[in-house]
N, C-alpha and C. Protein backbone atom coordinates (compact mmCIF):
# COMPACT_ATOMS: atom_id res chain seq x y z
N MET A 1 0.81 -1.18 0.00
CA MET A 1 0.00 0.00 0.00
C MET A 1 0.86 1.25 0.00
N ALA A 2 2.00 1.16 0.58
CA ALA A 2 2.90 2.31 0.63
C ALA A 2 3.37 2.68 -0.76
N VAL A 3 3.51 1.70 -1.63
CA VAL A 3 3.94 1.96 -3.01
C VAL A 3 2.86 2.75 -3.74
N LEU A 4 1.60 2.39 -3.56
CA LEU A 4 0.51 3.11 -4.22
C LEU A 4 0.41 4.54 -3.71
N ASN A 5 0.61 4.73 -2.41
CA ASN A 5 0.58 6.09 -1.87
C ASN A 5 1.73 6.92 -2.43
N GLU A 6 2.86 6.32 -2.58
CA GLU A 6 4.03 7.03 -3.16
C GLU A 6 3.75 7.42 -4.61
N ILE A 7 3.13 6.52 -5.37
CA ILE A 7 2.79 6.82 -6.77
C ILE A 7 1.77 7.95 -6.84
N ARG A 8 0.77 7.91 -5.99
CA ARG A 8 -0.24 8.98 -5.96
C ARG A 8 0.39 10.32 -5.60
N ASP A 9 1.26 10.34 -4.66
CA ASP A 9 1.92 11.60 -4.28
C ASP A 9 2.75 12.16 -5.42
N ARG A 10 3.46 11.28 -6.08
CA ARG A 10 4.29 11.74 -7.22
C ARG A 10 3.41 12.25 -8.36
N ILE A 11 2.28 11.55 -8.63
CA ILE A 11 1.37 12.00 -9.69
C ILE A 11 0.80 13.36 -9.33
N ARG A 12 0.45 13.58 -8.08
CA ARG A 12 -0.08 14.88 -7.65
C ARG A 12 0.97 15.99 -7.81
N GLN A 13 2.22 15.64 -7.66
CA GLN A 13 3.28 16.65 -7.83
C GLN A 13 3.54 16.94 -9.32
N VAL A 14 3.47 15.92 -10.16
CA VAL A 14 3.84 16.04 -11.57
C VAL A 14 2.66 16.49 -12.44
N ALA A 15 1.44 16.14 -12.08
CA ALA A 15 0.27 16.40 -12.91
C ALA A 15 0.10 17.88 -13.28
N PRO A 16 0.19 18.82 -12.35
CA PRO A 16 0.02 20.23 -12.75
C PRO A 16 1.10 20.70 -13.74
N GLN A 17 2.30 20.19 -13.57
CA GLN A 17 3.37 20.58 -14.49
C GLN A 17 3.14 20.00 -15.88
N VAL A 18 2.69 18.77 -15.96
CA VAL A 18 2.39 18.14 -17.25
C VAL A 18 1.22 18.86 -17.90
N LEU A 19 0.19 19.18 -17.13
CA LEU A 19 -0.96 19.90 -17.66
C LEU A 19 -0.54 21.28 -18.17
N ALA A 20 0.29 21.99 -17.45
CA ALA A 20 0.76 23.31 -17.88
C ALA A 20 1.59 23.19 -19.15
N ALA A 21 2.43 22.16 -19.24
CA ALA A 21 3.24 21.94 -20.44
C ALA A 21 2.35 21.66 -21.65
N CYS A 22 1.28 20.87 -21.46
CA CYS A 22 0.34 20.58 -22.55
C CYS A 22 -0.38 21.84 -23.02
N VAL A 23 -0.76 22.70 -22.08
CA VAL A 23 -1.42 23.95 -22.44
C VAL A 23 -0.46 24.85 -23.23
N VAL A 24 0.78 24.93 -22.80
CA VAL A 24 1.77 25.74 -23.51
C VAL A 24 2.01 25.20 -24.91
N VAL A 25 2.14 23.89 -25.05
CA VAL A 25 2.35 23.28 -26.36
C VAL A 25 1.15 23.56 -27.26
N TYR A 26 -0.06 23.47 -26.72
CA TYR A 26 -1.28 23.74 -27.50
C TYR A 26 -1.25 25.16 -28.05
N PHE A 27 -0.96 26.15 -27.20
CA PHE A 27 -0.98 27.53 -27.65
C PHE A 27 0.17 27.85 -28.61
N VAL A 28 1.33 27.27 -28.41
CA VAL A 28 2.46 27.47 -29.31
C VAL A 28 2.15 26.87 -30.68
N PHE A 29 1.57 25.69 -30.69
CA PHE A 29 1.21 25.05 -31.95
C PHE A 29 0.24 25.93 -32.73
N HIS A 30 -0.79 26.43 -32.08
CA HIS A 30 -1.78 27.26 -32.78
C HIS A 30 -1.23 28.65 -33.12
N ALA A 31 -0.26 29.11 -32.38
CA ALA A 31 0.37 30.39 -32.72
C ALA A 31 1.20 30.26 -33.99
N ILE A 32 1.67 29.08 -34.29
CA ILE A 32 2.46 28.87 -35.50
C ILE A 32 1.59 28.35 -36.64
N GLN A 33 0.76 27.36 -36.39
CA GLN A 33 0.01 26.68 -37.44
C GLN A 33 -1.43 27.17 -37.62
N GLY A 34 -1.95 27.97 -36.74
CA GLY A 34 -3.35 28.35 -36.77
C GLY A 34 -3.73 29.25 -37.93
N ASP A 35 -5.04 29.56 -38.02
CA ASP A 35 -5.55 30.42 -39.09
C ASP A 35 -4.93 31.81 -39.04
N ARG A 36 -4.59 32.27 -37.87
CA ARG A 36 -3.97 33.59 -37.71
C ARG A 36 -2.55 33.45 -37.15
N GLY A 37 -1.94 32.32 -37.41
CA GLY A 37 -0.62 32.03 -36.87
C GLY A 37 0.50 32.63 -37.71
N LEU A 38 1.70 32.28 -37.35
CA LEU A 38 2.90 32.82 -37.98
C LEU A 38 3.00 32.42 -39.45
N LEU A 39 2.73 31.16 -39.76
CA LEU A 39 2.81 30.71 -41.15
C LEU A 39 1.75 31.38 -42.01
N ALA A 40 0.54 31.57 -41.48
CA ALA A 40 -0.51 32.27 -42.22
C ALA A 40 -0.12 33.72 -42.46
N TYR A 41 0.51 34.34 -41.47
CA TYR A 41 0.97 35.72 -41.63
C TYR A 41 2.03 35.83 -42.73
N LEU A 42 2.97 34.90 -42.75
CA LEU A 42 4.00 34.92 -43.78
C LEU A 42 3.41 34.70 -45.17
N GLN A 43 2.44 33.81 -45.27
CA GLN A 43 1.78 33.58 -46.55
C GLN A 43 1.01 34.81 -47.01
N LEU A 44 0.32 35.46 -46.10
CA LEU A 44 -0.43 36.67 -46.45
C LEU A 44 0.51 37.81 -46.87
N THR A 45 1.64 37.96 -46.20
CA THR A 45 2.57 39.02 -46.61
C THR A 45 3.16 38.73 -47.98
N GLN A 46 3.41 37.47 -48.29
CA GLN A 46 3.91 37.12 -49.63
C GLN A 46 2.85 37.42 -50.68
N GLN A 47 1.59 37.08 -50.42
CA GLN A 47 0.52 37.39 -51.35
C GLN A 47 0.35 38.90 -51.52
N LEU A 48 0.51 39.64 -50.44
CA LEU A 48 0.41 41.09 -50.50
C LEU A 48 1.51 41.68 -51.37
N ASP A 49 2.74 41.18 -51.23
CA ASP A 49 3.85 41.66 -52.05
C ASP A 49 3.60 41.37 -53.53
N GLU A 50 3.11 40.17 -53.83
CA GLU A 50 2.82 39.81 -55.22
C GLU A 50 1.71 40.69 -55.79
N THR A 51 0.69 40.94 -55.00
CA THR A 51 -0.43 41.76 -55.45
C THR A 51 0.01 43.21 -55.66
N GLU A 52 0.86 43.72 -54.78
CA GLU A 52 1.36 45.08 -54.96
C GLU A 52 2.22 45.20 -56.21
N ALA A 53 3.00 44.16 -56.52
CA ALA A 53 3.82 44.18 -57.74
C ALA A 53 2.92 44.18 -58.98
N VAL A 54 1.87 43.38 -58.96
CA VAL A 54 0.93 43.36 -60.09
C VAL A 54 0.23 44.71 -60.21
N ALA A 55 -0.17 45.28 -59.09
CA ALA A 55 -0.84 46.58 -59.11
C ALA A 55 0.09 47.67 -59.65
N GLN A 56 1.35 47.63 -59.27
CA GLN A 56 2.32 48.60 -59.77
C GLN A 56 2.49 48.46 -61.28
N ASP A 57 2.61 47.23 -61.76
CA ASP A 57 2.75 46.98 -63.19
C ASP A 57 1.52 47.48 -63.96
N LEU A 58 0.34 47.19 -63.42
CA LEU A 58 -0.88 47.63 -64.09
C LEU A 58 -1.02 49.15 -64.08
N SER A 59 -0.60 49.79 -63.01
CA SER A 59 -0.71 51.25 -62.97
C SER A 59 0.27 51.89 -63.96
N GLU A 60 1.45 51.27 -64.14
CA GLU A 60 2.40 51.79 -65.14
C GLU A 60 1.85 51.62 -66.55
N ARG A 61 1.24 50.46 -66.81
CA ARG A 61 0.65 50.23 -68.13
C ARG A 61 -0.51 51.18 -68.38
N ARG A 62 -1.31 51.41 -67.35
CA ARG A 62 -2.44 52.33 -67.50
C ARG A 62 -1.94 53.75 -67.76
N ALA A 63 -0.91 54.18 -67.05
CA ALA A 63 -0.36 55.52 -67.27
C ALA A 63 0.18 55.65 -68.69
N SER A 64 0.81 54.60 -69.20
CA SER A 64 1.31 54.63 -70.57
C SER A 64 0.16 54.77 -71.56
N TRP A 65 -0.90 53.98 -71.37
CA TRP A 65 -2.05 54.08 -72.28
C TRP A 65 -2.74 55.43 -72.15
N GLU A 66 -2.86 55.96 -70.94
CA GLU A 66 -3.49 57.27 -70.78
C GLU A 66 -2.68 58.35 -71.49
N HIS A 67 -1.36 58.23 -71.44
CA HIS A 67 -0.52 59.20 -72.13
C HIS A 67 -0.72 59.11 -73.64
N LYS A 68 -0.76 57.89 -74.17
CA LYS A 68 -0.96 57.72 -75.61
C LYS A 68 -2.33 58.24 -76.04
N VAL A 69 -3.35 57.99 -75.24
CA VAL A 69 -4.69 58.46 -75.56
C VAL A 69 -4.74 59.98 -75.50
N SER A 70 -4.06 60.57 -74.52
CA SER A 70 -4.08 62.03 -74.41
C SER A 70 -3.41 62.69 -75.61
N LEU A 71 -2.45 62.00 -76.23
CA LEU A 71 -1.80 62.56 -77.42
C LEU A 71 -2.72 62.52 -78.63
N LEU A 72 -3.72 61.66 -78.62
CA LEU A 72 -4.63 61.54 -79.76
C LEU A 72 -5.92 62.33 -79.58
N LYS A 73 -6.10 63.02 -78.47
CA LYS A 73 -7.31 63.83 -78.26
C LYS A 73 -7.29 65.04 -79.19
N PRO A 74 -8.46 65.47 -79.64
CA PRO A 74 -8.51 66.59 -80.59
C PRO A 74 -7.90 67.89 -80.07
N GLY A 75 -8.02 68.15 -78.77
CA GLY A 75 -7.49 69.39 -78.22
C GLY A 75 -5.97 69.42 -78.17
N SER A 76 -5.35 68.26 -78.08
CA SER A 76 -3.89 68.22 -77.97
C SER A 76 -3.32 67.18 -78.93
N LEU A 77 -3.76 67.22 -80.16
CA LEU A 77 -3.34 66.24 -81.15
C LEU A 77 -1.88 66.46 -81.51
N ASP A 78 -1.09 65.43 -81.33
CA ASP A 78 0.33 65.48 -81.67
C ASP A 78 0.48 65.02 -83.12
N PRO A 79 0.95 65.88 -84.01
CA PRO A 79 1.05 65.51 -85.42
C PRO A 79 1.98 64.30 -85.65
N ASP A 80 3.04 64.20 -84.90
CA ASP A 80 3.94 63.06 -85.06
C ASP A 80 3.25 61.74 -84.69
N MET A 81 2.49 61.77 -83.60
CA MET A 81 1.77 60.56 -83.19
C MET A 81 0.71 60.20 -84.23
N LEU A 82 0.00 61.18 -84.75
CA LEU A 82 -1.01 60.92 -85.77
C LEU A 82 -0.37 60.32 -87.02
N GLU A 83 0.74 60.89 -87.46
CA GLU A 83 1.42 60.38 -88.66
C GLU A 83 1.92 58.96 -88.41
N GLU A 84 2.50 58.72 -87.26
CA GLU A 84 3.02 57.38 -86.94
C GLU A 84 1.91 56.35 -86.97
N ARG A 85 0.79 56.64 -86.33
CA ARG A 85 -0.32 55.69 -86.30
C ARG A 85 -0.92 55.48 -87.69
N ALA A 86 -1.08 56.56 -88.46
CA ALA A 86 -1.66 56.44 -89.80
C ALA A 86 -0.76 55.62 -90.71
N ARG A 87 0.53 55.85 -90.64
CA ARG A 87 1.46 55.12 -91.49
C ARG A 87 1.53 53.64 -91.11
N SER A 88 1.49 53.33 -89.82
CA SER A 88 1.57 51.93 -89.41
C SER A 88 0.28 51.19 -89.74
N VAL A 89 -0.87 51.85 -89.59
CA VAL A 89 -2.14 51.19 -89.88
C VAL A 89 -2.35 51.02 -91.38
N LEU A 90 -2.01 52.05 -92.16
CA LEU A 90 -2.26 52.03 -93.61
C LEU A 90 -1.10 51.45 -94.42
N ASN A 91 0.03 51.19 -93.80
CA ASN A 91 1.22 50.67 -94.48
C ASN A 91 1.70 51.62 -95.59
N TYR A 92 1.79 52.88 -95.28
CA TYR A 92 2.26 53.86 -96.26
C TYR A 92 3.68 54.29 -95.94
N LEU A 93 4.42 54.60 -97.00
CA LEU A 93 5.76 55.16 -96.90
C LEU A 93 5.84 56.39 -97.78
N ARG A 94 6.81 57.23 -97.48
CA ARG A 94 7.07 58.36 -98.38
C ARG A 94 7.88 57.86 -99.57
N ASP A 95 7.94 58.69 -100.61
CA ASP A 95 8.69 58.31 -101.81
C ASP A 95 10.18 58.20 -101.54
N ASP A 96 10.68 58.98 -100.59
CA ASP A 96 12.13 58.98 -100.35
C ASP A 96 12.55 57.99 -99.25
N GLU A 97 11.69 57.09 -98.82
CA GLU A 97 12.01 56.14 -97.77
C GLU A 97 12.27 54.75 -98.36
N VAL A 98 13.09 53.99 -97.65
CA VAL A 98 13.44 52.63 -98.07
C VAL A 98 13.10 51.70 -96.91
N VAL A 99 12.51 50.55 -97.22
CA VAL A 99 12.20 49.55 -96.21
C VAL A 99 13.30 48.49 -96.23
N ILE A 100 13.86 48.23 -95.06
CA ILE A 100 14.90 47.21 -94.93
C ILE A 100 14.29 46.07 -94.12
N TYR A 101 14.26 44.87 -94.70
CA TYR A 101 13.72 43.71 -94.01
C TYR A 101 14.82 43.08 -93.16
N LEU A 102 14.55 42.94 -91.90
CA LEU A 102 15.50 42.36 -90.97
C LEU A 102 15.24 40.86 -90.85
N PRO A 103 16.25 40.10 -90.44
CA PRO A 103 16.12 38.63 -90.40
C PRO A 103 14.97 38.12 -89.52
N ASP A 104 14.68 38.81 -88.43
CA ASP A 104 13.64 38.30 -87.53
C ASP A 104 12.24 38.74 -87.91
N GLY A 105 12.08 39.36 -89.08
CA GLY A 105 10.75 39.72 -89.57
C GLY A 105 10.34 41.14 -89.28
N ARG A 106 11.08 41.84 -88.45
CA ARG A 106 10.74 43.24 -88.18
C ARG A 106 11.17 44.08 -89.37
N THR A 107 10.64 45.27 -89.49
CA THR A 107 11.04 46.19 -90.56
C THR A 107 11.54 47.47 -89.94
N ARG A 108 12.40 48.13 -90.65
CA ARG A 108 12.92 49.41 -90.20
C ARG A 108 12.91 50.35 -91.40
N THR A 109 12.38 51.54 -91.25
CA THR A 109 12.33 52.49 -92.35
C THR A 109 13.48 53.46 -92.21
N ASP A 110 14.16 53.73 -93.33
CA ASP A 110 15.26 54.70 -93.37
C ASP A 110 15.00 55.70 -94.47
N ALA A 111 15.35 56.95 -94.22
CA ALA A 111 15.23 57.98 -95.24
C ALA A 111 16.51 57.99 -96.08
N ASN A 112 16.37 58.24 -97.39
CA ASN A 112 17.53 58.31 -98.28
C ASN A 112 18.31 59.57 -98.07
């Protein structure tokens, strides 16, 4: 009977410490793996960085298109832009220009 009493006394001494360790492990696990844990935070910051890069690229492309459109508005029509667009769409050249065909299929116009 003395052995059983000794085991009970030791369990009473160790049980609160084991229970506290289990609670700490539970909270640490969820702090790392949980829905709002460390790994979720790192994943969200990576997605945020990727989204900001896409947004920056799109805003640069939009600014470029807005600039091109503003050059074609009637109030601020740029004659060079109009001539460039008309010549590329209609495939026209001046009489004094020569077309040089490049190996990769692009063309370059040169004046004589």
